[in-house]
Amino acid sequence: MMTRTTITSVNHDNQDDLVQTKTLFRRYSKGPIMFNGCSPAGDLIIIENISPKKYYDLAGWYIERQTDNFPMLRYIIKNQFIIPPSTTVELWSSIAEPDPVPPESQDQQQQSFVSVKTKILTWNKARQWSITRLFDHTGRQRAIFSHRTLSSSDNENE
């Protein structure tokens, strides 16, 4: 499953000096456990179980995140970490403030939401690019989420 999302934003601080950027987000998964988002600011990683029936225990799984500003970070999921079917798990860094999911959003999406404040200080900020990978307990890669921000000069070179 490959998803590509493009977001275009413009810097309006100085009308004489407009900078247009394009951010590409890509995700890929092998199976129903996948990334639904990874904050470039380093606050949050979102994992989803899109299976309508199967529970998954992620004990021993790990997340590796590389960014343009920091060395690779590895986060190991310990103990029992069972994700029920059709559930989204938000993994917040310890310095971030989680945004509560309103109950009406959960009802509309027929999806369960779990918010976890991890002991990890930050998922590492990324300015131009990041690659976040999820591995199972055997070390097999199960999901990838990447982002790349291009300036208008980079866009012309593509």
N, C-alpha and C. Protein backbone atom coordinates (compact mmCIF):
# COMPACT_ATOMS: atom_id res chain seq x y z
N MET A 1 0.84 -1.15 0.00
CA MET A 1 0.00 0.00 0.00
C MET A 1 0.90 1.23 0.00
N MET A 2 0.80 2.07 -1.00
CA MET A 2 1.63 3.27 -1.11
C MET A 2 0.70 4.47 -1.20
N THR A 3 0.92 5.45 -0.35
CA THR A 3 0.12 6.65 -0.34
C THR A 3 1.04 7.84 -0.53
N ARG A 4 0.65 8.77 -1.37
CA ARG A 4 1.45 9.98 -1.57
C ARG A 4 0.54 11.18 -1.37
N THR A 5 0.96 12.08 -0.51
CA THR A 5 0.21 13.28 -0.22
C THR A 5 1.11 14.48 -0.48
N THR A 6 0.57 15.49 -1.12
CA THR A 6 1.34 16.70 -1.38
C THR A 6 0.66 17.87 -0.71
N ILE A 7 1.44 18.64 0.03
CA ILE A 7 0.94 19.84 0.69
C ILE A 7 1.82 21.00 0.23
N THR A 8 1.20 22.07 -0.22
CA THR A 8 1.96 23.23 -0.64
C THR A 8 1.67 24.37 0.33
N SER A 9 2.72 25.05 0.79
CA SER A 9 2.54 26.18 1.69
C SER A 9 3.40 27.35 1.23
N VAL A 10 2.97 28.56 1.59
CA VAL A 10 3.68 29.76 1.20
C VAL A 10 4.01 30.55 2.45
N ASN A 11 5.23 31.08 2.53
CA ASN A 11 5.67 31.93 3.63
C ASN A 11 5.22 33.36 3.33
N HIS A 12 4.35 33.93 4.18
CA HIS A 12 3.81 35.27 3.97
C HIS A 12 4.46 36.32 4.85
N ASP A 13 5.59 36.04 5.48
CA ASP A 13 6.22 36.99 6.39
C ASP A 13 6.62 38.27 5.68
N ASN A 14 7.14 38.18 4.48
CA ASN A 14 7.59 39.34 3.73
C ASN A 14 7.11 39.15 2.29
N GLN A 15 6.22 40.02 1.84
CA GLN A 15 5.63 39.87 0.51
C GLN A 15 6.68 39.93 -0.60
N ASP A 16 7.81 40.63 -0.35
CA ASP A 16 8.86 40.73 -1.36
C ASP A 16 9.70 39.45 -1.44
N ASP A 17 9.62 38.63 -0.42
CA ASP A 17 10.49 37.47 -0.32
C ASP A 17 9.65 36.21 -0.09
N LEU A 18 8.76 35.89 -1.02
CA LEU A 18 7.92 34.71 -0.90
C LEU A 18 8.75 33.46 -1.16
N VAL A 19 8.56 32.47 -0.31
CA VAL A 19 9.23 31.19 -0.50
C VAL A 19 8.15 30.12 -0.56
N GLN A 20 8.10 29.42 -1.66
CA GLN A 20 7.11 28.37 -1.80
C GLN A 20 7.79 27.03 -1.56
N THR A 21 7.15 26.20 -0.76
CA THR A 21 7.68 24.87 -0.50
C THR A 21 6.62 23.83 -0.82
N LYS A 22 7.08 22.65 -1.11
CA LYS A 22 6.19 21.52 -1.34
C LYS A 22 6.70 20.39 -0.47
N THR A 23 5.81 19.79 0.30
CA THR A 23 6.20 18.69 1.17
C THR A 23 5.53 17.41 0.68
N LEU A 24 6.34 16.40 0.46
CA LEU A 24 5.84 15.10 0.01
C LEU A 24 5.88 14.14 1.19
N PHE A 25 4.76 13.48 1.44
CA PHE A 25 4.67 12.44 2.46
C PHE A 25 4.42 11.12 1.75
N ARG A 26 5.16 10.10 2.13
CA ARG A 26 4.96 8.77 1.54
C ARG A 26 4.88 7.75 2.66
N ARG A 27 4.02 6.77 2.48
CA ARG A 27 3.96 5.68 3.45
C ARG A 27 3.77 4.37 2.72
N TYR A 28 4.29 3.33 3.37
CA TYR A 28 4.24 1.99 2.80
C TYR A 28 4.17 1.01 3.96
N SER A 29 3.41 -0.06 3.80
CA SER A 29 3.37 -1.06 4.86
C SER A 29 3.24 -2.46 4.26
N LYS A 30 3.76 -3.42 5.02
CA LYS A 30 3.59 -4.84 4.70
C LYS A 30 2.66 -5.38 5.77
N GLY A 31 1.38 -5.40 5.49
CA GLY A 31 0.40 -5.86 6.46
C GLY A 31 -0.43 -4.71 7.02
N PRO A 32 -1.30 -5.02 7.97
CA PRO A 32 -2.26 -4.04 8.47
C PRO A 32 -1.73 -3.07 9.53
N ILE A 33 -0.50 -3.26 10.01
CA ILE A 33 0.08 -2.31 10.96
C ILE A 33 0.88 -1.30 10.14
N MET A 34 0.50 -0.02 10.24
CA MET A 34 1.12 0.99 9.39
C MET A 34 1.24 2.33 10.11
N PHE A 35 2.08 3.19 9.57
CA PHE A 35 2.15 4.57 10.06
C PHE A 35 1.02 5.36 9.43
N ASN A 36 0.38 6.20 10.23
CA ASN A 36 -0.61 7.12 9.70
C ASN A 36 -0.08 8.54 9.72
N GLY A 37 1.07 8.75 10.34
CA GLY A 37 1.67 10.07 10.36
C GLY A 37 2.88 10.10 11.26
N CYS A 38 3.79 11.01 10.95
CA CYS A 38 4.98 11.27 11.76
C CYS A 38 5.23 12.76 11.69
N SER A 39 5.17 13.41 12.81
CA SER A 39 5.31 14.86 12.86
C SER A 39 6.73 15.29 12.51
N PRO A 40 6.89 16.17 11.50
CA PRO A 40 8.23 16.71 11.22
C PRO A 40 8.79 17.48 12.42
N ALA A 41 7.92 17.98 13.30
CA ALA A 41 8.36 18.71 14.49
C ALA A 41 8.91 17.78 15.57
N GLY A 42 8.72 16.47 15.42
CA GLY A 42 9.25 15.51 16.38
C GLY A 42 8.37 15.25 17.58
N ASP A 43 7.12 15.69 17.53
CA ASP A 43 6.20 15.53 18.65
C ASP A 43 5.49 14.18 18.69
N LEU A 44 5.20 13.61 17.54
CA LEU A 44 4.21 12.55 17.46
C LEU A 44 4.50 11.58 16.33
N ILE A 45 4.25 10.29 16.62
CA ILE A 45 4.23 9.24 15.60
C ILE A 45 2.90 8.51 15.77
N ILE A 46 2.21 8.28 14.65
CA ILE A 46 0.89 7.63 14.69
C ILE A 46 0.99 6.27 13.99
N ILE A 47 0.57 5.23 14.71
CA ILE A 47 0.54 3.86 14.17
C ILE A 47 -0.91 3.40 14.15
N GLU A 48 -1.27 2.68 13.11
CA GLU A 48 -2.64 2.19 12.96
C GLU A 48 -2.67 0.69 12.72
N ASN A 49 -3.68 0.04 13.29
CA ASN A 49 -4.02 -1.33 12.93
C ASN A 49 -5.27 -1.23 12.08
N ILE A 50 -5.14 -1.42 10.77
CA ILE A 50 -6.29 -1.27 9.89
C ILE A 50 -7.07 -2.57 9.72
N SER A 51 -6.63 -3.64 10.37
CA SER A 51 -7.37 -4.90 10.32
C SER A 51 -8.70 -4.73 11.05
N PRO A 52 -9.79 -5.20 10.46
CA PRO A 52 -11.08 -5.07 11.14
C PRO A 52 -11.30 -6.13 12.23
N LYS A 53 -10.44 -7.17 12.28
CA LYS A 53 -10.68 -8.27 13.22
C LYS A 53 -9.50 -8.69 14.08
N LYS A 54 -8.27 -8.47 13.62
CA LYS A 54 -7.10 -9.06 14.29
C LYS A 54 -6.41 -8.09 15.25
N TYR A 55 -6.06 -8.63 16.42
CA TYR A 55 -5.25 -7.92 17.42
C TYR A 55 -3.78 -8.18 17.11
N TYR A 56 -2.92 -7.19 17.35
CA TYR A 56 -1.48 -7.36 17.16
C TYR A 56 -0.73 -6.95 18.41
N ASP A 57 0.18 -7.82 18.87
CA ASP A 57 1.05 -7.50 20.00
C ASP A 57 2.37 -7.00 19.43
N LEU A 58 2.69 -5.74 19.69
CA LEU A 58 3.90 -5.13 19.15
C LEU A 58 5.09 -5.21 20.11
N ALA A 59 5.00 -6.02 21.15
CA ALA A 59 6.12 -6.19 22.08
C ALA A 59 7.35 -6.66 21.31
N GLY A 60 8.47 -5.98 21.50
CA GLY A 60 9.69 -6.32 20.80
C GLY A 60 9.85 -5.64 19.45
N TRP A 61 8.79 -5.01 18.95
CA TRP A 61 8.89 -4.24 17.71
C TRP A 61 9.66 -2.96 18.03
N TYR A 62 10.20 -2.33 17.00
CA TYR A 62 10.91 -1.08 17.25
C TYR A 62 10.75 -0.11 16.08
N ILE A 63 10.93 1.17 16.43
CA ILE A 63 10.82 2.27 15.47
C ILE A 63 12.21 2.88 15.32
N GLU A 64 12.63 3.08 14.08
CA GLU A 64 13.86 3.82 13.80
C GLU A 64 13.48 5.07 13.02
N ARG A 65 14.02 6.20 13.46
CA ARG A 65 13.72 7.47 12.79
C ARG A 65 15.02 8.20 12.48
N GLN A 66 15.17 8.58 11.22
CA GLN A 66 16.31 9.36 10.77
C GLN A 66 15.79 10.70 10.26
N THR A 67 16.50 11.78 10.58
CA THR A 67 16.14 13.10 10.07
C THR A 67 17.40 13.80 9.57
N ASP A 68 17.19 14.91 8.88
CA ASP A 68 18.32 15.67 8.37
C ASP A 68 19.11 16.37 9.47
N ASN A 69 18.55 16.52 10.66
CA ASN A 69 19.20 17.28 11.73
C ASN A 69 19.81 16.43 12.84
N PHE A 70 19.42 15.16 12.95
CA PHE A 70 19.83 14.35 14.10
C PHE A 70 20.25 12.96 13.65
N PRO A 71 21.09 12.28 14.46
CA PRO A 71 21.43 10.89 14.15
C PRO A 71 20.21 9.99 14.34
N MET A 72 20.32 8.76 13.86
CA MET A 72 19.20 7.83 13.94
C MET A 72 18.79 7.59 15.40
N LEU A 73 17.49 7.54 15.60
CA LEU A 73 16.91 7.29 16.91
C LEU A 73 16.21 5.93 16.85
N ARG A 74 16.35 5.11 17.89
CA ARG A 74 15.65 3.82 17.94
C ARG A 74 14.82 3.77 19.21
N TYR A 75 13.55 3.40 19.04
CA TYR A 75 12.61 3.26 20.16
C TYR A 75 12.09 1.84 20.16
N ILE A 76 12.34 1.09 21.23
CA ILE A 76 11.90 -0.30 21.33
C ILE A 76 10.60 -0.36 22.12
N ILE A 77 9.61 -1.04 21.56
CA ILE A 77 8.33 -1.21 22.24
C ILE A 77 8.47 -2.41 23.17
N LYS A 78 8.31 -2.17 24.46
CA LYS A 78 8.52 -3.23 25.45
C LYS A 78 7.20 -3.73 26.02
N ASN A 79 7.30 -4.83 26.77
CA ASN A 79 6.14 -5.44 27.44
C ASN A 79 5.05 -5.76 26.44
N GLN A 80 3.84 -5.93 26.94
CA GLN A 80 2.72 -6.18 26.04
C GLN A 80 2.23 -4.85 25.51
N PHE A 81 2.13 -4.75 24.22
CA PHE A 81 1.63 -3.54 23.57
C PHE A 81 0.69 -4.02 22.48
N ILE A 82 -0.54 -4.31 22.88
CA ILE A 82 -1.51 -4.92 21.98
C ILE A 82 -2.38 -3.84 21.36
N ILE A 83 -2.42 -3.83 20.03
CA ILE A 83 -3.28 -2.89 19.31
C ILE A 83 -4.51 -3.65 18.83
N PRO A 84 -5.69 -3.27 19.33
CA PRO A 84 -6.92 -3.91 18.88
C PRO A 84 -7.22 -3.60 17.41
N PRO A 85 -8.15 -4.33 16.82
CA PRO A 85 -8.54 -4.06 15.43
C PRO A 85 -9.06 -2.62 15.28
N SER A 86 -8.85 -2.06 14.11
CA SER A 86 -9.34 -0.71 13.77
C SER A 86 -9.01 0.32 14.85
N THR A 87 -7.74 0.35 15.24
CA THR A 87 -7.30 1.25 16.31
C THR A 87 -6.12 2.09 15.85
N THR A 88 -6.15 3.36 16.21
CA THR A 88 -5.06 4.29 15.95
C THR A 88 -4.37 4.58 17.27
N VAL A 89 -3.03 4.47 17.29
CA VAL A 89 -2.24 4.74 18.49
C VAL A 89 -1.35 5.95 18.22
N GLU A 90 -1.49 6.96 19.06
CA GLU A 90 -0.63 8.14 18.98
C GLU A 90 0.49 7.98 20.00
N LEU A 91 1.74 8.01 19.54
CA LEU A 91 2.91 7.92 20.42
C LEU A 91 3.51 9.32 20.53
N TRP A 92 3.22 10.00 21.64
CA TRP A 92 3.68 11.37 21.85
C TRP A 92 5.04 11.38 22.54
N SER A 93 5.88 12.33 22.18
CA SER A 93 7.15 12.52 22.90
C SER A 93 6.83 13.08 24.28
N SER A 94 7.76 12.94 25.20
CA SER A 94 7.48 13.34 26.59
C SER A 94 7.34 14.85 26.75
N ILE A 95 7.91 15.65 25.85
CA ILE A 95 7.80 17.11 25.99
C ILE A 95 6.62 17.69 25.21
N ALA A 96 5.94 16.87 24.41
CA ALA A 96 4.80 17.35 23.61
C ALA A 96 3.52 17.33 24.44
N GLU A 97 2.58 18.16 24.04
CA GLU A 97 1.26 18.19 24.66
C GLU A 97 0.27 17.48 23.75
N PRO A 98 -0.21 16.29 24.14
CA PRO A 98 -1.15 15.56 23.29
C PRO A 98 -2.45 16.33 23.07
N ASP A 99 -2.96 16.23 21.86
CA ASP A 99 -4.26 16.80 21.53
C ASP A 99 -5.31 15.73 21.75
N PRO A 100 -6.31 15.99 22.61
CA PRO A 100 -7.35 14.97 22.81
C PRO A 100 -8.20 14.78 21.56
N VAL A 101 -8.57 13.54 21.29
CA VAL A 101 -9.45 13.24 20.17
C VAL A 101 -10.88 13.32 20.67
N PRO A 102 -11.70 14.21 20.09
CA PRO A 102 -13.09 14.33 20.56
C PRO A 102 -13.86 13.03 20.32
N PRO A 103 -14.74 12.66 21.28
CA PRO A 103 -15.51 11.42 21.12
C PRO A 103 -16.32 11.37 19.83
N GLU A 104 -16.83 12.52 19.38
CA GLU A 104 -17.63 12.52 18.15
C GLU A 104 -16.78 12.14 16.93
N SER A 105 -15.49 12.47 16.94
CA SER A 105 -14.60 12.06 15.85
C SER A 105 -14.44 10.55 15.83
N GLN A 106 -14.30 9.96 17.01
CA GLN A 106 -14.16 8.51 17.09
C GLN A 106 -15.43 7.83 16.59
N ASP A 107 -16.59 8.37 16.97
CA ASP A 107 -17.86 7.78 16.54
C ASP A 107 -18.02 7.85 15.03
N GLN A 108 -17.67 8.99 14.43
CA GLN A 108 -17.82 9.18 13.00
C GLN A 108 -16.91 8.25 12.21
N GLN A 109 -15.71 8.01 12.71
CA GLN A 109 -14.74 7.22 11.97
C GLN A 109 -14.81 5.73 12.30
N GLN A 110 -15.62 5.35 13.27
CA GLN A 110 -15.72 3.96 13.71
C GLN A 110 -14.32 3.39 13.97
N GLN A 111 -13.52 4.18 14.63
CA GLN A 111 -12.13 3.86 14.90
C GLN A 111 -11.86 4.17 16.36
N SER A 112 -11.06 3.34 17.02
CA SER A 112 -10.65 3.61 18.39
C SER A 112 -9.34 4.38 18.37
N PHE A 113 -9.18 5.30 19.31
CA PHE A 113 -7.96 6.10 19.41
C PHE A 113 -7.34 5.90 20.79
N VAL A 114 -6.03 5.67 20.81
CA VAL A 114 -5.29 5.53 22.06
C VAL A 114 -4.13 6.53 22.00
N SER A 115 -3.98 7.31 23.06
CA SER A 115 -2.90 8.28 23.13
C SER A 115 -1.92 7.85 24.21
N VAL A 116 -0.63 7.71 23.84
CA VAL A 116 0.40 7.25 24.77
C VAL A 116 1.49 8.32 24.85
N LYS A 117 1.80 8.74 26.06
CA LYS A 117 2.92 9.67 26.27
C LYS A 117 4.14 8.80 26.56
N THR A 118 5.10 8.79 25.64
CA THR A 118 6.28 7.94 25.79
C THR A 118 7.31 8.62 26.69
N LYS A 119 8.34 7.87 27.05
CA LYS A 119 9.44 8.43 27.84
C LYS A 119 10.51 9.05 26.94
N ILE A 120 10.32 8.95 25.64
CA ILE A 120 11.30 9.51 24.72
C ILE A 120 11.12 11.04 24.68
N LEU A 121 12.21 11.77 24.82
CA LEU A 121 12.14 13.23 24.90
C LEU A 121 11.56 13.85 23.64
N THR A 122 12.04 13.40 22.47
CA THR A 122 11.55 13.90 21.18
C THR A 122 11.76 12.82 20.13
N TRP A 123 10.92 12.85 19.10
CA TRP A 123 11.10 11.95 17.95
C TRP A 123 12.08 12.57 16.94
N ASN A 124 12.68 13.68 17.28
CA ASN A 124 13.65 14.42 16.48
C ASN A 124 12.98 15.23 15.36
N LYS A 125 13.27 16.50 15.40
CA LYS A 125 12.74 17.45 14.42
C LYS A 125 13.42 17.24 13.07
N ALA A 126 12.64 17.39 12.02
CA ALA A 126 13.16 17.26 10.66
C ALA A 126 12.80 18.51 9.87
N ARG A 127 13.80 19.14 9.29
CA ARG A 127 13.52 20.34 8.48
C ARG A 127 13.24 19.96 7.03
N GLN A 128 14.14 19.20 6.42
CA GLN A 128 14.00 18.90 5.00
C GLN A 128 13.55 17.47 4.71
N TRP A 129 13.92 16.53 5.57
CA TRP A 129 13.52 15.15 5.30
C TRP A 129 13.53 14.31 6.57
N SER A 130 12.76 13.25 6.54
CA SER A 130 12.77 12.25 7.60
C SER A 130 12.35 10.91 7.02
N ILE A 131 12.87 9.84 7.62
CA ILE A 131 12.45 8.48 7.28
C ILE A 131 12.20 7.77 8.60
N THR A 132 11.00 7.25 8.76
CA THR A 132 10.63 6.54 9.98
C THR A 132 10.25 5.12 9.58
N ARG A 133 10.86 4.13 10.24
CA ARG A 133 10.63 2.72 9.89
C ARG A 133 10.13 1.96 11.11
N LEU A 134 9.25 1.00 10.87
CA LEU A 134 8.74 0.12 11.92
C LEU A 134 9.20 -1.30 11.59
N PHE A 135 9.83 -1.95 12.58
CA PHE A 135 10.32 -3.32 12.43
C PHE A 135 9.62 -4.23 13.43
N ASP A 136 9.34 -5.48 13.03
CA ASP A 136 8.74 -6.43 13.97
C ASP A 136 9.83 -7.02 14.87
N HIS A 137 9.43 -7.92 15.77
CA HIS A 137 10.37 -8.48 16.75
C HIS A 137 11.48 -9.33 16.12
N THR A 138 11.33 -9.73 14.86
CA THR A 138 12.37 -10.50 14.18
C THR A 138 13.32 -9.59 13.39
N GLY A 139 13.05 -8.29 13.38
CA GLY A 139 13.88 -7.34 12.65
C GLY A 139 13.42 -7.09 11.22
N ARG A 140 12.27 -7.65 10.85
CA ARG A 140 11.75 -7.45 9.50
C ARG A 140 11.01 -6.12 9.42
N GLN A 141 11.33 -5.33 8.41
CA GLN A 141 10.68 -4.04 8.23
C GLN A 141 9.21 -4.22 7.87
N ARG A 142 8.32 -3.56 8.60
CA ARG A 142 6.88 -3.69 8.38
C ARG A 142 6.23 -2.44 7.80
N ALA A 143 6.81 -1.26 8.07
CA ALA A 143 6.20 -0.02 7.58
C ALA A 143 7.25 1.07 7.47
N ILE A 144 7.00 2.01 6.55
CA ILE A 144 7.86 3.18 6.36
C ILE A 144 6.97 4.40 6.21
N PHE A 145 7.42 5.51 6.78
CA PHE A 145 6.78 6.80 6.55
C PHE A 145 7.90 7.80 6.31
N SER A 146 7.84 8.52 5.20
CA SER A 146 8.90 9.49 4.92
C SER A 146 8.30 10.83 4.52
N HIS A 147 9.08 11.86 4.75
CA HIS A 147 8.68 13.19 4.28
C HIS A 147 9.90 13.88 3.70
N ARG A 148 9.64 14.71 2.72
CA ARG A 148 10.70 15.51 2.10
C ARG A 148 10.11 16.85 1.73
N THR A 149 10.76 17.93 2.17
CA THR A 149 10.30 19.28 1.87
C THR A 149 11.21 19.87 0.81
N LEU A 150 10.59 20.35 -0.27
CA LEU A 150 11.33 20.93 -1.39
C LEU A 150 11.05 22.42 -1.45
N SER A 151 12.07 23.22 -1.68
CA SER A 151 11.86 24.65 -1.90
C SER A 151 11.51 24.85 -3.36
N SER A 152 11.14 26.08 -3.73
CA SER A 152 10.76 26.33 -5.13
C SER A 152 11.92 26.04 -6.08
N SER A 153 13.17 26.26 -5.66
CA SER A 153 14.31 25.95 -6.52
C SER A 153 14.47 24.43 -6.70
N ASP A 154 14.19 23.66 -5.64
CA ASP A 154 14.22 22.19 -5.75
C ASP A 154 13.12 21.70 -6.67
N ASN A 155 11.93 22.34 -6.59
CA ASN A 155 10.79 21.94 -7.42
C ASN A 155 11.11 22.08 -8.90
N GLU A 156 11.88 23.12 -9.26
CA GLU A 156 12.23 23.33 -10.66
C GLU A 156 13.19 22.25 -11.16
N ASN A 157 13.98 21.68 -10.25
CA ASN A 157 14.96 20.66 -10.64
C ASN A 157 14.37 19.27 -10.73
N GLU A 158 13.14 19.08 -10.24
CA GLU A 158 12.53 17.75 -10.25
C GLU A 158 12.10 17.32 -11.63
